[in-house]
Protein backbone atom coordinates (compact mmCIF):
# COMPACT_ATOMS: atom_id res chain seq x y z
CA MET A 1 -14.78 -7.77 -10.02
CA ILE A 2 -11.66 -7.13 -7.91
CA LYS A 3 -10.86 -10.85 -8.00
CA THR A 4 -11.07 -10.98 -11.80
CA ASP A 5 -8.84 -7.93 -12.22
CA TYR A 6 -6.43 -9.37 -9.64
CA GLU A 7 -6.16 -12.68 -11.48
CA ASN A 8 -5.71 -10.91 -14.82
CA TYR A 9 -2.91 -8.86 -13.31
CA ILE A 10 -1.08 -11.88 -11.90
CA TYR A 11 -1.66 -14.52 -14.56
CA ASP A 12 -1.78 -12.34 -17.63
CA PHE A 13 0.19 -9.15 -17.19
CA GLN A 14 2.84 -10.25 -14.67
CA ALA A 15 3.39 -13.53 -16.50
CA LYS A 16 3.96 -11.67 -19.79
CA GLN A 17 6.55 -9.52 -18.00
CA GLY A 18 8.40 -12.71 -17.04
CA ILE A 19 7.40 -12.44 -13.39
CA ARG A 20 6.52 -15.76 -11.81
CA PRO A 21 3.46 -15.42 -9.54
CA GLN A 22 4.86 -17.68 -6.82
CA HIS A 23 7.83 -15.31 -6.38
CA PHE A 24 6.16 -11.90 -6.42
CA VAL A 25 2.69 -12.09 -4.99
CA PRO A 26 0.81 -8.81 -4.65
CA ILE A 27 -1.49 -8.04 -1.74
CA SER A 28 -4.25 -10.63 -1.47
CA VAL A 29 -7.77 -10.35 -2.86
CA GLU A 30 -8.99 -10.18 0.74
CA LEU A 31 -6.69 -7.29 1.57
CA SER A 32 -7.65 -5.59 -1.72
CA GLU A 33 -11.33 -5.77 -0.80
CA TYR A 34 -10.57 -4.60 2.75
CA ILE A 35 -8.61 -1.59 1.45
CA ILE A 36 -11.48 -0.52 -0.79
CA SER A 37 -13.95 -0.91 2.09
CA ILE A 38 -11.68 1.34 4.21
CA CYS A 39 -11.66 3.88 1.36
CA GLU A 40 -15.44 3.79 1.04
CA LYS A 41 -15.92 4.20 4.79
CA TYR A 42 -13.26 6.81 5.61
CA LYS A 43 -12.99 8.63 2.23
CA PRO A 44 -9.22 9.31 2.34
CA LYS A 45 -8.05 12.22 0.21
CA ARG A 46 -4.29 11.58 0.36
CA ILE A 47 -3.15 7.99 -0.10
CA LEU A 48 0.36 6.56 0.01
CA ASP A 49 0.68 3.29 -1.84
CA ALA A 50 4.01 2.01 -0.52
CA GLY A 51 4.86 -0.83 -2.86
CA SER A 52 3.87 -0.44 -6.52
CA GLY A 53 2.04 -2.95 -8.67
CA TRP A 54 -1.41 -4.38 -8.15
CA SER A 55 -2.23 -2.02 -5.27
CA SER A 56 -1.51 1.02 -7.49
CA ILE A 57 -4.05 -0.25 -9.99
CA LEU A 58 -6.50 -1.10 -7.23
CA PHE A 59 -6.52 2.46 -5.91
CA LYS A 60 -6.74 4.01 -9.39
CA LYS A 61 -9.55 1.77 -10.61
CA TYR A 62 -11.61 1.20 -7.47
CA TYR A 63 -11.05 4.43 -5.52
CA PRO A 64 -10.25 7.21 -8.00
CA LEU A 65 -11.47 9.88 -5.54
CA GLY A 66 -8.21 9.86 -3.60
CA HIS A 67 -4.93 11.39 -4.69
CA THR A 68 -2.65 8.36 -4.67
CA ILE A 69 1.12 8.60 -4.57
CA THR A 70 2.93 5.36 -5.31
CA VAL A 71 6.43 4.67 -4.01
CA ASP A 72 8.74 1.70 -4.34
CA THR A 73 12.31 0.76 -3.51
CA GLU A 74 12.69 -0.94 -6.90
CA GLU A 75 12.68 1.06 -10.13
CA GLN A 76 11.80 -2.13 -12.02
CA TRP A 77 8.46 -2.35 -10.20
CA LEU A 78 7.63 1.28 -10.86
CA ASN A 79 8.34 0.71 -14.56
CA ILE A 80 6.21 -2.44 -14.64
CA THR A 81 3.38 -0.56 -12.95
CA LYS A 82 3.65 2.32 -15.43
CA GLU A 83 3.52 -0.19 -18.30
CA TYR A 84 0.30 -1.69 -16.92
CA PHE A 85 -1.26 1.76 -16.56
CA LYS A 86 -0.41 2.53 -20.19
CA LYS A 87 -1.73 -0.80 -21.46
CA PHE A 88 -5.11 -0.21 -19.85
CA GLU A 89 -5.17 3.55 -20.50
CA LEU A 90 -5.20 4.53 -16.85
CA ASP A 91 -3.87 7.91 -15.79
CA LEU A 92 -0.56 7.41 -14.05
CA ASN A 93 -0.37 7.93 -10.32
CA GLU A 94 2.36 10.14 -9.03
CA MET A 95 5.21 7.59 -8.74
CA TRP A 96 8.53 7.88 -6.89
CA LEU A 97 11.45 5.81 -5.75
CA TRP A 98 11.29 5.66 -1.95
CA GLU A 99 14.54 7.51 -1.22
CA GLU A 100 13.69 10.31 -3.68
CA PHE A 101 10.20 10.59 -2.25
CA LEU A 102 11.54 11.14 1.26
CA THR A 103 13.45 14.21 0.06
CA THR A 104 10.13 15.91 -0.81
CA ASN A 105 9.07 16.16 2.87
CA PRO A 106 5.58 14.87 2.10
CA GLU A 107 2.46 16.08 3.86
CA PRO A 108 0.74 13.47 6.10
CA PHE A 109 -1.49 10.87 4.48
CA ASP A 110 -5.06 9.87 5.32
CA LEU A 111 -4.33 6.28 4.28
CA ILE A 112 -1.09 4.36 3.84
CA LEU A 113 -0.85 0.85 2.47
CA HIS A 114 2.54 -0.48 3.57
CA ASP A 115 3.63 -3.30 1.29
CA LEU A 116 7.03 -1.82 0.44
CA GLY A 117 9.84 -4.12 -0.55
CA PHE A 118 9.73 -7.76 -1.46
CA VAL A 119 12.31 -8.37 1.25
CA ILE A 120 10.56 -8.12 4.62
CA ASP A 121 13.62 -6.35 6.09
CA ILE A 122 12.73 -3.30 3.97
CA ARG A 123 9.22 -3.29 5.36
CA GLU A 124 10.50 -3.50 8.91
CA LYS A 125 13.10 -0.74 8.41
CA THR A 126 10.62 1.67 6.80
CA LEU A 127 7.78 1.06 9.28
CA PRO A 128 8.69 3.84 11.77
CA LYS A 129 8.75 6.41 8.93
CA MET A 130 5.39 5.13 7.69
CA PHE A 131 3.87 5.67 11.14
CA GLU A 132 5.24 9.24 11.14
CA MET A 133 3.55 9.99 7.81
CA VAL A 134 0.02 9.07 8.92
CA ALA A 135 -2.24 12.11 9.42
CA ASP A 136 -4.21 12.53 12.66
CA GLY A 137 -7.22 10.23 12.37
CA GLY A 138 -5.54 8.52 9.40
CA ILE A 139 -5.08 4.80 8.81
CA ILE A 140 -2.14 2.58 7.98
CA VAL A 141 -2.66 -0.94 6.66
CA ILE A 142 0.39 -3.19 6.88
CA ASP A 143 0.70 -6.38 4.83
CA ASN A 144 2.54 -9.55 5.84
CA THR A 145 2.18 -9.02 9.59
CA HIS A 146 2.43 -12.79 10.06
CA GLU A 147 6.19 -12.36 9.46
CA PRO A 148 8.39 -11.98 12.57
CA PHE A 149 8.45 -8.16 12.35
CA GLY A 150 4.67 -8.18 12.84
CA ARG A 151 4.92 -9.31 16.47
CA ASP A 152 6.15 -5.88 17.57
CA ILE A 153 3.65 -3.78 15.62
CA PRO A 154 0.86 -3.55 18.23
CA LEU A 155 3.22 -2.31 20.96
CA MET A 156 5.02 0.08 18.61
CA ALA A 157 1.71 1.39 17.27
CA LYS A 158 0.26 1.96 20.73
CA SER A 159 3.36 3.88 21.83
CA MET A 160 2.97 6.12 18.77
CA GLY A 161 -0.70 6.91 19.36
CA PHE A 162 -2.43 4.32 17.18
CA LYS A 163 -5.29 1.96 17.89
CA ILE A 164 -5.88 -1.34 16.13
CA LEU A 165 -8.80 -1.29 13.70
CA GLY A 166 -8.30 -4.86 12.60
CA ASP A 167 -5.74 -7.60 13.15
CA TYR A 168 -6.14 -10.29 10.52
CA LYS A 169 -4.13 -13.36 9.67
CA TYR A 170 -1.80 -11.65 7.19
CA PHE A 171 -2.40 -7.91 7.62
CA MET A 172 -3.21 -5.29 10.21
CA ALA A 173 -5.03 -1.94 10.12
CA LEU A 174 -4.23 0.81 12.61
CA GLN A 175 -5.73 4.26 13.10
CA LYS A 176 -3.83 7.24 14.48
CA LYS A 177 -5.62 9.02 17.30
CA GLY A 178 -6.81 12.53 16.63
CA ASP A 179 -9.33 14.24 14.40
CA LYS A 180 -8.98 14.23 10.66
CA LYS A 181 -8.05 17.65 9.43
């Protein structure tokens, strides 16, 4: 079911928006399924979807129990995501541009999916702030950890009180020490 929705999103909706799939690839089907399994196991209440698009739809459709806030560095992607939500009559997530979102001093999150910015530099620059926003006992899942910035994540995470839940070929899941509140 996730795979079908994923393919429809890429080859139908994104293509009709003039977005070429080989240039803007959302999180993988494997990561999508992993994220939902994390949600089912840990039952996060507050979710930060850092990087709008397919993942915003994934959370809304497959884990509606969580309060998901979607952020992006690109207004175009937020608008495309809103358009998709309207087309399929989904209630809109709370959506923000990254810089505006930071001014709200957000409460910690039980789950963060970090796929912010098509340019990997953005992901690397925003990573320390993402770690800060994880609640005690919360989880952060980082996409594209096969990129050079991914080499430093385990050491950085350990120094900030995280343990590795899973280190996969293209993504990594880390849990912050402490009890969930």
